[in-house]
PDB file of N, CA and C in Angstrom:
ATOM      1  N   UNK A   1      82.613  63.362-137.306  1.00  0.00           N
ATOM      2  CA  UNK A   1      83.874  63.745-136.743  1.00  0.00           C
ATOM      3  C   UNK A   1      83.668  64.148-135.273  1.00  0.00           C
ATOM      4  N   UNK A   2      84.519  63.639-134.429  1.00  0.00           N
ATOM      5  CA  UNK A   2      84.441  63.969-133.003  1.00  0.00           C
ATOM      6  C   UNK A   2      84.957  65.379-132.760  1.00  0.00           C
ATOM      7  N   UNK A   3      84.276  66.081-131.889  1.00  0.00           N
ATOM      8  CA  UNK A   3      84.774  67.419-131.501  1.00  0.00           C
ATOM      9  C   UNK A   3      85.701  67.230-130.265  1.00  0.00           C
ATOM     10  N   UNK A   4      86.679  68.095-130.202  1.00  0.00           N
ATOM     11  CA  UNK A   4      87.717  67.993-129.150  1.00  0.00           C
ATOM     12  C   UNK A   4      87.472  69.019-128.070  1.00  0.00           C
ATOM     13  N   UNK A   5      88.270  68.950-127.018  1.00  0.00           N
ATOM     14  CA  UNK A   5      88.258  69.978-125.954  1.00  0.00           C
ATOM     15  C   UNK A   5      88.604  71.332-126.574  1.00  0.00           C
ATOM     16  N   UNK A   6      89.529  71.373-127.518  1.00  0.00           N
ATOM     17  CA  UNK A   6      89.879  72.628-128.187  1.00  0.00           C
ATOM     18  C   UNK A   6      88.681  73.186-128.954  1.00  0.00           C
ATOM     19  N   UNK A   7      87.904  72.304-129.592  1.00  0.00           N
ATOM     20  CA  UNK A   7      86.689  72.779-130.300  1.00  0.00           C
ATOM     21  C   UNK A   7      85.706  73.324-129.274  1.00  0.00           C
ATOM     22  N   UNK A   8      85.549  72.627-128.146  1.00  0.00           N
ATOM     23  CA  UNK A   8      84.645  73.111-127.111  1.00  0.00           C
ATOM     24  C   UNK A   8      85.084  74.453-126.589  1.00  0.00           C
ATOM     25  N   UNK A   9      86.385  74.608-126.336  1.00  0.00           N
ATOM     26  CA  UNK A   9      86.908  75.875-125.850  1.00  0.00           C
ATOM     27  C   UNK A   9      86.689  77.021-126.840  1.00  0.00           C
ATOM     28  N   UNK A  10      86.854  76.727-128.134  1.00  0.00           N
ATOM     29  CA  UNK A  10      86.601  77.726-129.159  1.00  0.00           C
ATOM     30  C   UNK A  10      85.125  78.062-129.192  1.00  0.00           C
ATOM     31  N   UNK A  11      84.259  77.084-129.080  1.00  0.00           N
ATOM     32  CA  UNK A  11      82.825  77.323-129.072  1.00  0.00           C
ATOM     33  C   UNK A  11      82.432  78.248-127.909  1.00  0.00           C
ATOM     34  N   UNK A  12      82.943  77.963-126.714  1.00  0.00           N
ATOM     35  CA  UNK A  12      82.668  78.787-125.548  1.00  0.00           C
ATOM     36  C   UNK A  12      83.191  80.207-125.787  1.00  0.00           C
ATOM     37  N   UNK A  13      84.426  80.318-126.248  1.00  0.00           N
ATOM     38  CA  UNK A  13      85.031  81.647-126.491  1.00  0.00           C
ATOM     39  C   UNK A  13      84.222  82.462-127.474  1.00  0.00           C
ATOM     40  N   UNK A  14      83.798  81.835-128.569  1.00  0.00           N
ATOM     41  CA  UNK A  14      83.026  82.545-129.593  1.00  0.00           C
ATOM     42  C   UNK A  14      81.638  82.886-129.077  1.00  0.00           C
ATOM     43  N   UNK A  15      80.983  81.990-128.353  1.00  0.00           N
ATOM     44  CA  UNK A  15      79.687  82.337-127.781  1.00  0.00           C
ATOM     45  C   UNK A  15      79.820  83.554-126.889  1.00  0.00           C
ATOM     46  N   UNK A  16      80.812  83.542-126.006  1.00  0.00           N
ATOM     47  CA  UNK A  16      81.008  84.657-125.079  1.00  0.00           C
ATOM     48  C   UNK A  16      81.321  85.959-125.837  1.00  0.00           C
ATOM     49  N   UNK A  17      82.082  85.848-126.904  1.00  0.00           N
ATOM     50  CA  UNK A  17      82.406  87.029-127.729  1.00  0.00           C
ATOM     51  C   UNK A  17      81.109  87.655-128.284  1.00  0.00           C
ATOM     52  N   UNK A  18      80.264  86.803-128.837  1.00  0.00           N
ATOM     53  CA  UNK A  18      78.996  87.316-129.407  1.00  0.00           C
ATOM     54  C   UNK A  18      78.024  87.751-128.356  1.00  0.00           C
ATOM     55  N   UNK A  19      78.014  87.097-127.203  1.00  0.00           N
ATOM     56  CA  UNK A  19      77.184  87.533-126.098  1.00  0.00           C
ATOM     57  C   UNK A  19      77.547  88.937-125.694  1.00  0.00           C
ATOM     58  N   UNK A  20      78.835  89.222-125.587  1.00  0.00           N
ATOM     59  CA  UNK A  20      79.294  90.576-125.245  1.00  0.00           C
ATOM     60  C   UNK A  20      78.997  91.564-126.359  1.00  0.00           C
ATOM     61  N   UNK A  21      79.294  91.168-127.581  1.00  0.00           N
ATOM     62  CA  UNK A  21      79.105  92.058-128.729  1.00  0.00           C
ATOM     63  C   UNK A  21      77.624  92.453-128.923  1.00  0.00           C
ATOM     64  N   UNK A  22      76.732  91.502-128.612  1.00  0.00           N
ATOM     65  CA  UNK A  22      75.310  91.764-128.760  1.00  0.00           C
ATOM     66  C   UNK A  22      74.641  92.209-127.456  1.00  0.00           C
ATOM     67  N   UNK A  23      75.447  92.495-126.450  1.00  0.00           N
ATOM     68  CA  UNK A  23      74.948  92.986-125.163  1.00  0.00           C
ATOM     69  C   UNK A  23      73.877  92.064-124.568  1.00  0.00           C
ATOM     70  N   UNK A  24      74.160  90.789-124.513  1.00  0.00           N
ATOM     71  CA  UNK A  24      73.207  89.808-124.002  1.00  0.00           C
ATOM     72  C   UNK A  24      73.656  89.295-122.619  1.00  0.00           C
ATOM     73  N   UNK A  25      74.234  90.188-121.840  1.00  0.00           N
ATOM     74  CA  UNK A  25      74.745  89.821-120.522  1.00  0.00           C
ATOM     75  C   UNK A  25      73.680  89.796-119.440  1.00  0.00           C
ATOM     76  N   UNK A  26      72.410  89.924-119.807  1.00  0.00           N
ATOM     77  CA  UNK A  26      71.337  89.882-118.828  1.00  0.00           C
ATOM     78  C   UNK A  26      70.839  88.437-118.625  1.00  0.00           C
ATOM     79  N   UNK A  27      71.539  87.464-119.175  1.00  0.00           N
ATOM     80  CA  UNK A  27      71.263  86.050-118.999  1.00  0.00           C
ATOM     81  C   UNK A  27      72.427  85.378-118.296  1.00  0.00           C
ATOM     82  N   UNK A  28      72.170  84.256-117.619  1.00  0.00           N
ATOM     83  CA  UNK A  28      73.210  83.408-117.087  1.00  0.00           C
ATOM     84  C   UNK A  28      73.448  82.321-118.119  1.00  0.00           C
ATOM     85  N   UNK A  29      74.707  81.906-118.299  1.00  0.00           N
ATOM     86  CA  UNK A  29      75.038  80.944-119.340  1.00  0.00           C
ATOM     87  C   UNK A  29      75.840  79.780-118.769  1.00  0.00           C
ATOM     88  N   UNK A  30      75.570  78.616-119.352  1.00  0.00           N
ATOM     89  CA  UNK A  30      76.409  77.449-119.079  1.00  0.00           C
ATOM     90  C   UNK A  30      76.662  76.752-120.401  1.00  0.00           C
ATOM     91  N   UNK A  31      77.728  75.972-120.438  1.00  0.00           N
ATOM     92  CA  UNK A  31      78.165  75.318-121.664  1.00  0.00           C
ATOM     93  C   UNK A  31      78.398  73.815-121.378  1.00  0.00           C
ATOM     94  N   UNK A  32      77.893  73.000-122.301  1.00  0.00           N
ATOM     95  CA  UNK A  32      78.081  71.570-122.169  1.00  0.00           C
ATOM     96  C   UNK A  32      78.657  71.019-123.480  1.00  0.00           C
ATOM     97  N   UNK A  33      79.405  69.965-123.363  1.00  0.00           N
ATOM     98  CA  UNK A  33      79.978  69.299-124.517  1.00  0.00           C
ATOM     99  C   UNK A  33      79.638  67.829-124.379  1.00  0.00           C
ATOM    100  N   UNK A  34      78.584  67.438-125.153  1.00  0.00           N
ATOM    101  CA  UNK A  34      78.059  66.082-125.013  1.00  0.00           C
ATOM    102  C   UNK A  34      77.401  65.652-126.311  1.00  0.00           C
ATOM    103  N   UNK A  35      77.120  64.378-126.394  1.00  0.00           N
ATOM    104  CA  UNK A  35      76.418  63.884-127.560  1.00  0.00           C
ATOM    105  C   UNK A  35      74.947  64.307-127.452  1.00  0.00           C
ATOM    106  N   UNK A  36      74.435  64.972-128.496  1.00  0.00           N
ATOM    107  CA  UNK A  36      73.063  65.502-128.475  1.00  0.00           C
ATOM    108  C   UNK A  36      72.194  64.946-129.614  1.00  0.00           C
ATOM    109  N   UNK A  37      72.766  63.996-130.373  1.00  0.00           N
ATOM    110  CA  UNK A  37      71.974  63.386-131.416  1.00  0.00           C
ATOM    111  C   UNK A  37      72.613  63.589-132.779  1.00  0.00           C
ATOM    112  N   UNK A  38      72.064  62.841-133.736  1.00  0.00           N
ATOM    113  CA  UNK A  38      72.543  62.947-135.098  1.00  0.00           C
ATOM    114  C   UNK A  38      71.983  64.221-135.751  1.00  0.00           C
ATOM    115  N   UNK A  39      72.728  64.716-136.711  1.00  0.00           N
ATOM    116  CA  UNK A  39      72.311  65.895-137.511  1.00  0.00           C
ATOM    117  C   UNK A  39      72.173  67.149-136.712  1.00  0.00           C
ATOM    118  N   UNK A  40      72.787  67.204-135.551  1.00  0.00           N
ATOM    119  CA  UNK A  40      72.800  68.416-134.732  1.00  0.00           C
ATOM    120  C   UNK A  40      74.257  68.764-134.427  1.00  0.00           C
ATOM    121  N   UNK A  41      74.593  70.022-134.600  1.00  0.00           N
ATOM    122  CA  UNK A  41      75.937  70.485-134.244  1.00  0.00           C
ATOM    123  C   UNK A  41      75.962  71.083-132.856  1.00  0.00           C
ATOM    124  N   UNK A  42      74.905  71.798-132.533  1.00  0.00           N
ATOM    125  CA  UNK A  42      74.785  72.425-131.213  1.00  0.00           C
ATOM    126  C   UNK A  42      73.322  72.733-130.940  1.00  0.00           C
ATOM    127  N   UNK A  43      73.000  72.945-129.685  1.00  0.00           N
ATOM    128  CA  UNK A  43      71.635  73.348-129.327  1.00  0.00           C
ATOM    129  C   UNK A  43      71.710  74.418-128.267  1.00  0.00           C
ATOM    130  N   UNK A  44      70.580  75.140-128.138  1.00  0.00           N
ATOM    131  CA  UNK A  44      70.444  76.152-127.098  1.00  0.00           C
ATOM    132  C   UNK A  44      69.109  75.898-126.436  1.00  0.00           C
ATOM    133  N   UNK A  45      69.112  75.802-125.086  1.00  0.00           N
ATOM    134  CA  UNK A  45      67.878  75.677-124.354  1.00  0.00           C
ATOM    135  C   UNK A  45      67.824  76.802-123.329  1.00  0.00           C
ATOM    136  N   UNK A  46      66.620  77.162-122.968  1.00  0.00           N
ATOM    137  CA  UNK A  46      66.465  78.289-122.038  1.00  0.00           C
ATOM    138  C   UNK A  46      65.471  77.999-120.954  1.00  0.00           C
ATOM    139  N   UNK A  47      65.704  78.670-119.826  1.00  0.00           N
ATOM    140  CA  UNK A  47      64.728  78.755-118.753  1.00  0.00           C
ATOM    141  C   UNK A  47      64.405  80.263-118.693  1.00  0.00           C
ATOM    142  N   UNK A  48      63.331  80.653-119.310  1.00  0.00           N
ATOM    143  CA  UNK A  48      63.045  82.086-119.469  1.00  0.00           C
ATOM    144  C   UNK A  48      62.878  82.791-118.143  1.00  0.00           C
ATOM    145  N   UNK A  49      62.167  82.188-117.212  1.00  0.00           N
ATOM    146  CA  UNK A  49      61.925  82.835-115.909  1.00  0.00           C
ATOM    147  C   UNK A  49      63.226  82.998-115.150  1.00  0.00           C
ATOM    148  N   UNK A  50      64.074  82.027-115.192  1.00  0.00           N
ATOM    149  CA  UNK A  50      65.377  82.099-114.469  1.00  0.00           C
ATOM    150  C   UNK A  50      66.436  82.900-115.279  1.00  0.00           C
ATOM    151  N   UNK A  51      66.115  83.228-116.512  1.00  0.00           N
ATOM    152  CA  UNK A  51      67.082  83.913-117.395  1.00  0.00           C
ATOM    153  C   UNK A  51      68.355  83.079-117.530  1.00  0.00           C
ATOM    154  N   UNK A  52      68.177  81.771-117.779  1.00  0.00           N
ATOM    155  CA  UNK A  52      69.316  80.844-117.867  1.00  0.00           C
ATOM    156  C   UNK A  52      69.344  80.200-119.231  1.00  0.00           C
ATOM    157  N   UNK A  53      70.491  80.169-119.860  1.00  0.00           N
ATOM    158  CA  UNK A  53      70.683  79.573-121.172  1.00  0.00           C
ATOM    159  C   UNK A  53      71.736  78.472-121.054  1.00  0.00           C
ATOM    160  N   UNK A  54      71.473  77.329-121.701  1.00  0.00           N
ATOM    161  CA  UNK A  54      72.456  76.271-121.755  1.00  0.00           C
ATOM    162  C   UNK A  54      72.784  76.041-123.254  1.00  0.00           C
ATOM    163  N   UNK A  55      74.065  76.209-123.571  1.00  0.00           N
ATOM    164  CA  UNK A  55      74.570  75.893-124.920  1.00  0.00           C
ATOM    165  C   UNK A  55      75.184  74.518-124.866  1.00  0.00           C
ATOM    166  N   UNK A  56      74.866  73.705-125.854  1.00  0.00           N
ATOM    167  CA  UNK A  56      75.453  72.358-125.952  1.00  0.00           C
ATOM    168  C   UNK A  56      76.112  72.183-127.305  1.00  0.00           C
ATOM    169  N   UNK A  57      77.393  71.840-127.264  1.00  0.00           N
ATOM    170  CA  UNK A  57      78.155  71.500-128.478  1.00  0.00           C
ATOM    171  C   UNK A  57      78.137  69.989-128.569  1.00  0.00           C
ATOM    172  N   UNK A  58      77.767  69.485-129.731  1.00  0.00           N
ATOM    173  CA  UNK A  58      77.715  68.040-129.933  1.00  0.00           C
ATOM    174  C   UNK A  58      79.131  67.438-129.958  1.00  0.00           C
ATOM    175  N   UNK A  59      79.288  66.301-129.346  1.00  0.00           N
ATOM    176  CA  UNK A  59      80.590  65.613-129.410  1.00  0.00           C
ATOM    177  C   UNK A  59      80.835  64.959-130.759  1.00  0.00           C
ATOM    178  N   UNK A  60      79.792  64.801-131.565  1.00  0.00           N
ATOM    179  CA  UNK A  60      79.905  64.250-132.918  1.00  0.00           C
ATOM    180  C   UNK A  60      79.224  65.184-133.885  1.00  0.00           C
ATOM    181  N   UNK A  61      80.005  65.722-134.815  1.00  0.00           N
ATOM    182  CA  UNK A  61      79.460  66.622-135.818  1.00  0.00           C
ATOM    183  C   UNK A  61      79.768  66.079-137.184  1.00  0.00           C
ATOM    184  N   UNK A  62      78.732  66.035-138.026  1.00  0.00           N
ATOM    185  CA  UNK A  62      78.910  65.549-139.393  1.00  0.00           C
ATOM    186  C   UNK A  62      79.474  66.682-140.246  1.00  0.00           C
ATOM    187  N   UNK A  63      80.805  66.811-140.201  1.00  0.00           N
ATOM    188  CA  UNK A  63      81.473  67.928-140.886  1.00  0.00           C
ATOM    189  C   UNK A  63      82.853  67.478-141.319  1.00  0.00           C
ATOM    190  N   UNK A  64      83.187  67.850-142.512  1.00  0.00           N
ATOM    191  CA  UNK A  64      84.548  67.635-142.982  1.00  0.00           C
ATOM    192  C   UNK A  64      85.096  69.010-143.338  1.00  0.00           C
ATOM    193  N   UNK A  65      86.392  69.152-143.335  1.00  0.00           N
ATOM    194  CA  UNK A  65      86.967  70.448-143.644  1.00  0.00           C
ATOM    195  C   UNK A  65      87.401  71.186-142.405  1.00  0.00           C
ATOM    196  N   UNK A  66      87.506  72.483-142.518  1.00  0.00           N
ATOM    197  CA  UNK A  66      88.033  73.311-141.448  1.00  0.00           C
ATOM    198  C   UNK A  66      87.027  73.444-140.289  1.00  0.00           C
ATOM    199  N   UNK A  67      87.309  72.762-139.201  1.00  0.00           N
ATOM    200  CA  UNK A  67      86.382  72.747-138.088  1.00  0.00           C
ATOM    201  C   UNK A  67      86.315  74.087-137.367  1.00  0.00           C
ATOM    202  N   UNK A  68      87.417  74.819-137.242  1.00  0.00           N
ATOM    203  CA  UNK A  68      87.397  76.045-136.449  1.00  0.00           C
ATOM    204  C   UNK A  68      86.420  77.065-137.061  1.00  0.00           C
ATOM    205  N   UNK A  69      86.379  77.211-138.355  1.00  0.00           N
ATOM    206  CA  UNK A  69      85.434  78.144-138.984  1.00  0.00           C
ATOM    207  C   UNK A  69      84.004  77.711-138.735  1.00  0.00           C
ATOM    208  N   UNK A  70      83.768  76.421-138.785  1.00  0.00           N
ATOM    209  CA  UNK A  70      82.429  75.902-138.573  1.00  0.00           C
ATOM    210  C   UNK A  70      81.986  76.104-137.126  1.00  0.00           C
ATOM    211  N   UNK A  71      82.901  75.867-136.205  1.00  0.00           N
ATOM    212  CA  UNK A  71      82.600  76.068-134.761  1.00  0.00           C
ATOM    213  C   UNK A  71      82.235  77.556-134.514  1.00  0.00           C
ATOM    214  N   UNK A  72      82.987  78.475-135.113  1.00  0.00           N
ATOM    215  CA  UNK A  72      82.695  79.872-134.964  1.00  0.00           C
ATOM    216  C   UNK A  72      81.279  80.226-135.492  1.00  0.00           C
ATOM    217  N   UNK A  73      80.947  79.635-136.621  1.00  0.00           N
ATOM    218  CA  UNK A  73      79.661  79.884-137.253  1.00  0.00           C
ATOM    219  C   UNK A  73      78.517  79.343-136.398  1.00  0.00           C
ATOM    220  N   UNK A  74      78.670  78.132-135.840  1.00  0.00           N
ATOM    221  CA  UNK A  74      77.577  77.585-135.020  1.00  0.00           C
ATOM    222  C   UNK A  74      77.462  78.321-133.695  1.00  0.00           C
ATOM    223  N   UNK A  75      78.561  78.836-133.169  1.00  0.00           N
ATOM    224  CA  UNK A  75      78.511  79.652-131.941  1.00  0.00           C
ATOM    225  C   UNK A  75      77.681  80.862-132.167  1.00  0.00           C
ATOM    226  N   UNK A  76      77.913  81.586-133.263  1.00  0.00           N
ATOM    227  CA  UNK A  76      77.121  82.750-133.588  1.00  0.00           C
ATOM    228  C   UNK A  76      75.658  82.372-133.748  1.00  0.00           C
ATOM    229  N   UNK A  77      75.393  81.291-134.461  1.00  0.00           N
ATOM    230  CA  UNK A  77      74.021  80.856-134.688  1.00  0.00           C
ATOM    231  C   UNK A  77      73.293  80.612-133.348  1.00  0.00           C
ATOM    232  N   UNK A  78      73.951  79.936-132.442  1.00  0.00           N
ATOM    233  CA  UNK A  78      73.319  79.646-131.139  1.00  0.00           C
ATOM    234  C   UNK A  78      73.083  80.924-130.329  1.00  0.00           C
ATOM    235  N   UNK A  79      74.019  81.869-130.346  1.00  0.00           N
ATOM    236  CA  UNK A  79      73.831  83.135-129.648  1.00  0.00           C
ATOM    237  C   UNK A  79      72.678  83.922-130.251  1.00  0.00           C
ATOM    238  N   UNK A  80      72.508  83.845-131.550  1.00  0.00           N
ATOM    239  CA  UNK A  80      71.390  84.552-132.186  1.00  0.00           C
ATOM    240  C   UNK A  80      70.028  84.023-131.694  1.00  0.00           C
ATOM    241  N   UNK A  81      69.989  82.755-131.281  1.00  0.00           N
ATOM    242  CA  UNK A  81      68.756  82.246-130.669  1.00  0.00           C
ATOM    243  C   UNK A  81      68.468  83.036-129.389  1.00  0.00           C
ATOM    244  N   UNK A  82      69.481  83.324-128.631  1.00  0.00           N
ATOM    245  CA  UNK A  82      69.322  84.099-127.389  1.00  0.00           C
ATOM    246  C   UNK A  82      68.824  85.508-127.707  1.00  0.00           C
ATOM    247  N   UNK A  83      69.352  86.090-128.733  1.00  0.00           N
ATOM    248  CA  UNK A  83      68.925  87.435-129.159  1.00  0.00           C
ATOM    249  C   UNK A  83      67.414  87.481-129.398  1.00  0.00           C
ATOM    250  N   UNK A  84      66.839  86.398-129.898  1.00  0.00           N
ATOM    251  CA  UNK A  84      65.408  86.358-130.216  1.00  0.00           C
ATOM    252  C   UNK A  84      64.569  85.717-129.105  1.00  0.00           C
ATOM    253  N   UNK A  85      65.175  85.336-128.000  1.00  0.00           N
ATOM    254  CA  UNK A  85      64.473  84.608-126.960  1.00  0.00           C
ATOM    255  C   UNK A  85      63.298  85.404-126.358  1.00  0.00           C
ATOM    256  N   UNK A  86      63.507  86.656-126.054  1.00  0.00           N
ATOM    257  CA  UNK A  86      62.397  87.472-125.504  1.00  0.00           C
ATOM    258  C   UNK A  86      61.254  87.583-126.477  1.00  0.00           C
ATOM    259  N   UNK A  87      61.576  87.776-127.736  1.00  0.00           N
ATOM    260  CA  UNK A  87      60.527  87.895-128.747  1.00  0.00           C
ATOM    261  C   UNK A  87      59.757  86.590-128.870  1.00  0.00           C
ATOM    262  N   UNK A  88      60.460  85.465-128.815  1.00  0.00           N
ATOM    263  CA  UNK A  88      59.807  84.131-128.897  1.00  0.00           C
ATOM    264  C   UNK A  88      58.814  83.962-127.751  1.00  0.00           C
ATOM    265  N   UNK A  89      59.246  84.278-126.542  1.00  0.00           N
ATOM    266  CA  UNK A  89      58.337  84.113-125.388  1.00  0.00           C
ATOM    267  C   UNK A  89      57.193  85.133-125.420  1.00  0.00           C
ATOM    268  N   UNK A  90      57.456  86.286-125.918  1.00  0.00           N
ATOM    269  CA  UNK A  90      56.382  87.287-126.052  1.00  0.00           C
ATOM    270  C   UNK A  90      55.311  86.769-127.021  1.00  0.00           C
ATOM    271  N   UNK A  91      55.732  86.207-128.122  1.00  0.00           N
ATOM    272  CA  UNK A  91      54.771  85.727-129.119  1.00  0.00           C
ATOM    273  C   UNK A  91      53.935  84.570-128.569  1.00  0.00           C
ATOM    274  N   UNK A  92      54.474  83.776-127.664  1.00  0.00           N
ATOM    275  CA  UNK A  92      53.740  82.654-127.056  1.00  0.00           C
ATOM    276  C   UNK A  92      52.789  83.125-125.954  1.00  0.00           C
ATOM    277  N   UNK A  93      52.952  84.313-125.476  1.00  0.00           N
ATOM    278  CA  UNK A  93      52.177  84.806-124.334  1.00  0.00           C
ATOM    279  C   UNK A  93      50.718  85.081-124.699  1.00  0.00           C
ATOM    280  N   UNK A  94      49.851  84.791-123.757  1.00  0.00           N
ATOM    281  CA  UNK A  94      48.431  85.140-123.949  1.00  0.00           C
ATOM    282  C   UNK A  94      48.222  86.651-123.845  1.00  0.00           C
ATOM    283  N   UNK A  95      49.174  87.319-123.229  1.00  0.00           N
ATOM    284  CA  UNK A  95      49.080  88.761-122.986  1.00  0.00           C
ATOM    285  C   UNK A  95      49.873  89.529-124.034  1.00  0.00           C
ATOM    286  N   UNK A  96      49.929  89.003-125.259  1.00  0.00           N
ATOM    287  CA  UNK A  96      50.710  89.629-126.333  1.00  0.00           C
ATOM    288  C   UNK A  96      50.084  90.974-126.719  1.00  0.00           C
ATOM    289  N   UNK A  97      50.931  92.002-126.742  1.00  0.00           N
ATOM    290  CA  UNK A  97      50.476  93.343-127.153  1.00  0.00           C
ATOM    291  C   UNK A  97      51.451  93.899-128.176  1.00  0.00           C
ATOM    292  N   UNK A  98      50.925  94.577-129.159  1.00  0.00           N
ATOM    293  CA  UNK A  98      51.760  95.129-130.209  1.00  0.00           C
ATOM    294  C   UNK A  98      52.818  96.104-129.675  1.00  0.00           C
ATOM    295  N   UNK A  99      52.465  96.890-128.666  1.00  0.00           N
ATOM    296  CA  UNK A  99      53.399  97.868-128.117  1.00  0.00           C
ATOM    297  C   UNK A  99      54.618  97.151-127.510  1.00  0.00           C
ATOM    298  N   UNK A 100      54.374  95.992-126.871  1.00  0.00           N
ATOM    299  CA  UNK A 100      55.480  95.223-126.302  1.00  0.00           C
ATOM    300  C   UNK A 100      56.355  94.635-127.410  1.00  0.00           C
ATOM    301  N   UNK A 101      55.684  94.162-128.479  1.00  0.00           N
ATOM    302  CA  UNK A 101      56.420  93.648-129.614  1.00  0.00           C
ATOM    303  C   UNK A 101      57.331  94.734-130.232  1.00  0.00           C
ATOM    304  N   UNK A 102      56.770  95.884-130.420  1.00  0.00           N
ATOM    305  CA  UNK A 102      57.560  96.987-131.024  1.00  0.00           C
ATOM    306  C   UNK A 102      58.727  97.366-130.132  1.00  0.00           C
ATOM    307  N   UNK A 103      58.560  97.367-128.840  1.00  0.00           N
ATOM    308  CA  UNK A 103      59.647  97.690-127.925  1.00  0.00           C
ATOM    309  C   UNK A 103      60.745  96.622-128.042  1.00  0.00           C
ATOM    310  N   UNK A 104      60.379  95.335-128.081  1.00  0.00           N
ATOM    311  CA  UNK A 104      61.372  94.262-128.220  1.00  0.00           C
ATOM    312  C   UNK A 104      62.025  94.285-129.593  1.00  0.00           C
ATOM    313  N   UNK A 105      61.281  94.581-130.627  1.00  0.00           N
ATOM    314  CA  UNK A 105      61.876  94.705-131.952  1.00  0.00           C
ATOM    315  C   UNK A 105      62.949  95.770-131.967  1.00  0.00           C
ATOM    316  N   UNK A 106      62.675  96.909-131.334  1.00  0.00           N
ATOM    317  CA  UNK A 106      63.658  97.960-131.290  1.00  0.00           C
ATOM    318  C   UNK A 106      64.861  97.596-130.394  1.00  0.00           C
ATOM    319  N   UNK A 107      64.620  96.848-129.367  1.00  0.00           N
ATOM    320  CA  UNK A 107      65.746  96.384-128.536  1.00  0.00           C
ATOM    321  C   UNK A 107      66.665  95.495-129.342  1.00  0.00           C
ATOM    322  N   UNK A 108      66.102  94.626-130.159  1.00  0.00           N
ATOM    323  CA  UNK A 108      66.916  93.769-131.033  1.00  0.00           C
ATOM    324  C   UNK A 108      67.675  94.601-132.039  1.00  0.00           C
ATOM    325  N   UNK A 109      66.979  95.533-132.691  1.00  0.00           N
ATOM    326  CA  UNK A 109      67.625  96.405-133.668  1.00  0.00           C
ATOM    327  C   UNK A 109      68.769  97.176-133.037  1.00  0.00           C
ATOM    328  N   UNK A 110      68.548  97.706-131.854  1.00  0.00           N
ATOM    329  CA  UNK A 110      69.592  98.487-131.169  1.00  0.00           C
ATOM    330  C   UNK A 110      70.803  97.624-130.858  1.00  0.00           C
ATOM    331  N   UNK A 111      70.600  96.378-130.407  1.00  0.00           N
ATOM    332  CA  UNK A 111      71.713  95.464-130.131  1.00  0.00           C
ATOM    333  C   UNK A 111      72.482  95.184-131.394  1.00  0.00           C
ATOM    334  N   UNK A 112      71.772  94.901-132.479  1.00  0.00           N
ATOM    335  CA  UNK A 112      72.454  94.608-133.768  1.00  0.00           C
ATOM    336  C   UNK A 112      73.203  95.842-134.271  1.00  0.00           C
ATOM    337  N   UNK A 113      72.573  96.979-134.153  1.00  0.00           N
ATOM    338  CA  UNK A 113      73.220  98.204-134.583  1.00  0.00           C
ATOM    339  C   UNK A 113      74.497  98.479-133.832  1.00  0.00           C
ATOM    340  N   UNK A 114      74.461  98.297-132.503  1.00  0.00           N
ATOM    341  CA  UNK A 114      75.612  98.509-131.670  1.00  0.00           C
ATOM    342  C   UNK A 114      76.724  97.520-132.046  1.00  0.00           C
ATOM    343  N   UNK A 115      76.368  96.264-132.282  1.00  0.00           N
ATOM    344  CA  UNK A 115      77.325  95.228-132.647  1.00  0.00           C
ATOM    345  C   UNK A 115      78.000  95.487-134.010  1.00  0.00           C
ATOM    346  N   UNK A 116      77.299  96.193-134.876  1.00  0.00           N
ATOM    347  CA  UNK A 116      77.821  96.424-136.237  1.00  0.00           C
ATOM    348  C   UNK A 116      78.637  97.712-136.367  1.00  0.00           C
ATOM    349  N   UNK A 117      78.597  98.525-135.332  1.00  0.00           N
ATOM    350  CA  UNK A 117      79.334  99.804-135.356  1.00  0.00           C
ATOM    351  C   UNK A 117      80.810  99.609-135.166  1.00  0.00           C
TER     352      UNK A 117
END
């Protein structure tokens, strides 16, 4: 099924809602609406050093049924990748230290706790 401009607008709106709710405003964001391949609904790529995230909504999604609920769900899923981005890069680092991990773990917990209040 082809995604529309309205689907793209909903995706952007929901991503921004979750970015605010999870206090992830320390990144720069851009949004694209393009064909990204089969069996993908959306992707998130990052430039960790530049603190830049690109969200891509696929122009073709293998989905039947209510698209708006699905778009909201994939927007949240993609933003959750951002929530874990620092932890991902920390784990890949040669300079990995448990104290840094624990600090990032608590930062994630605090963001989730604030979002759930």
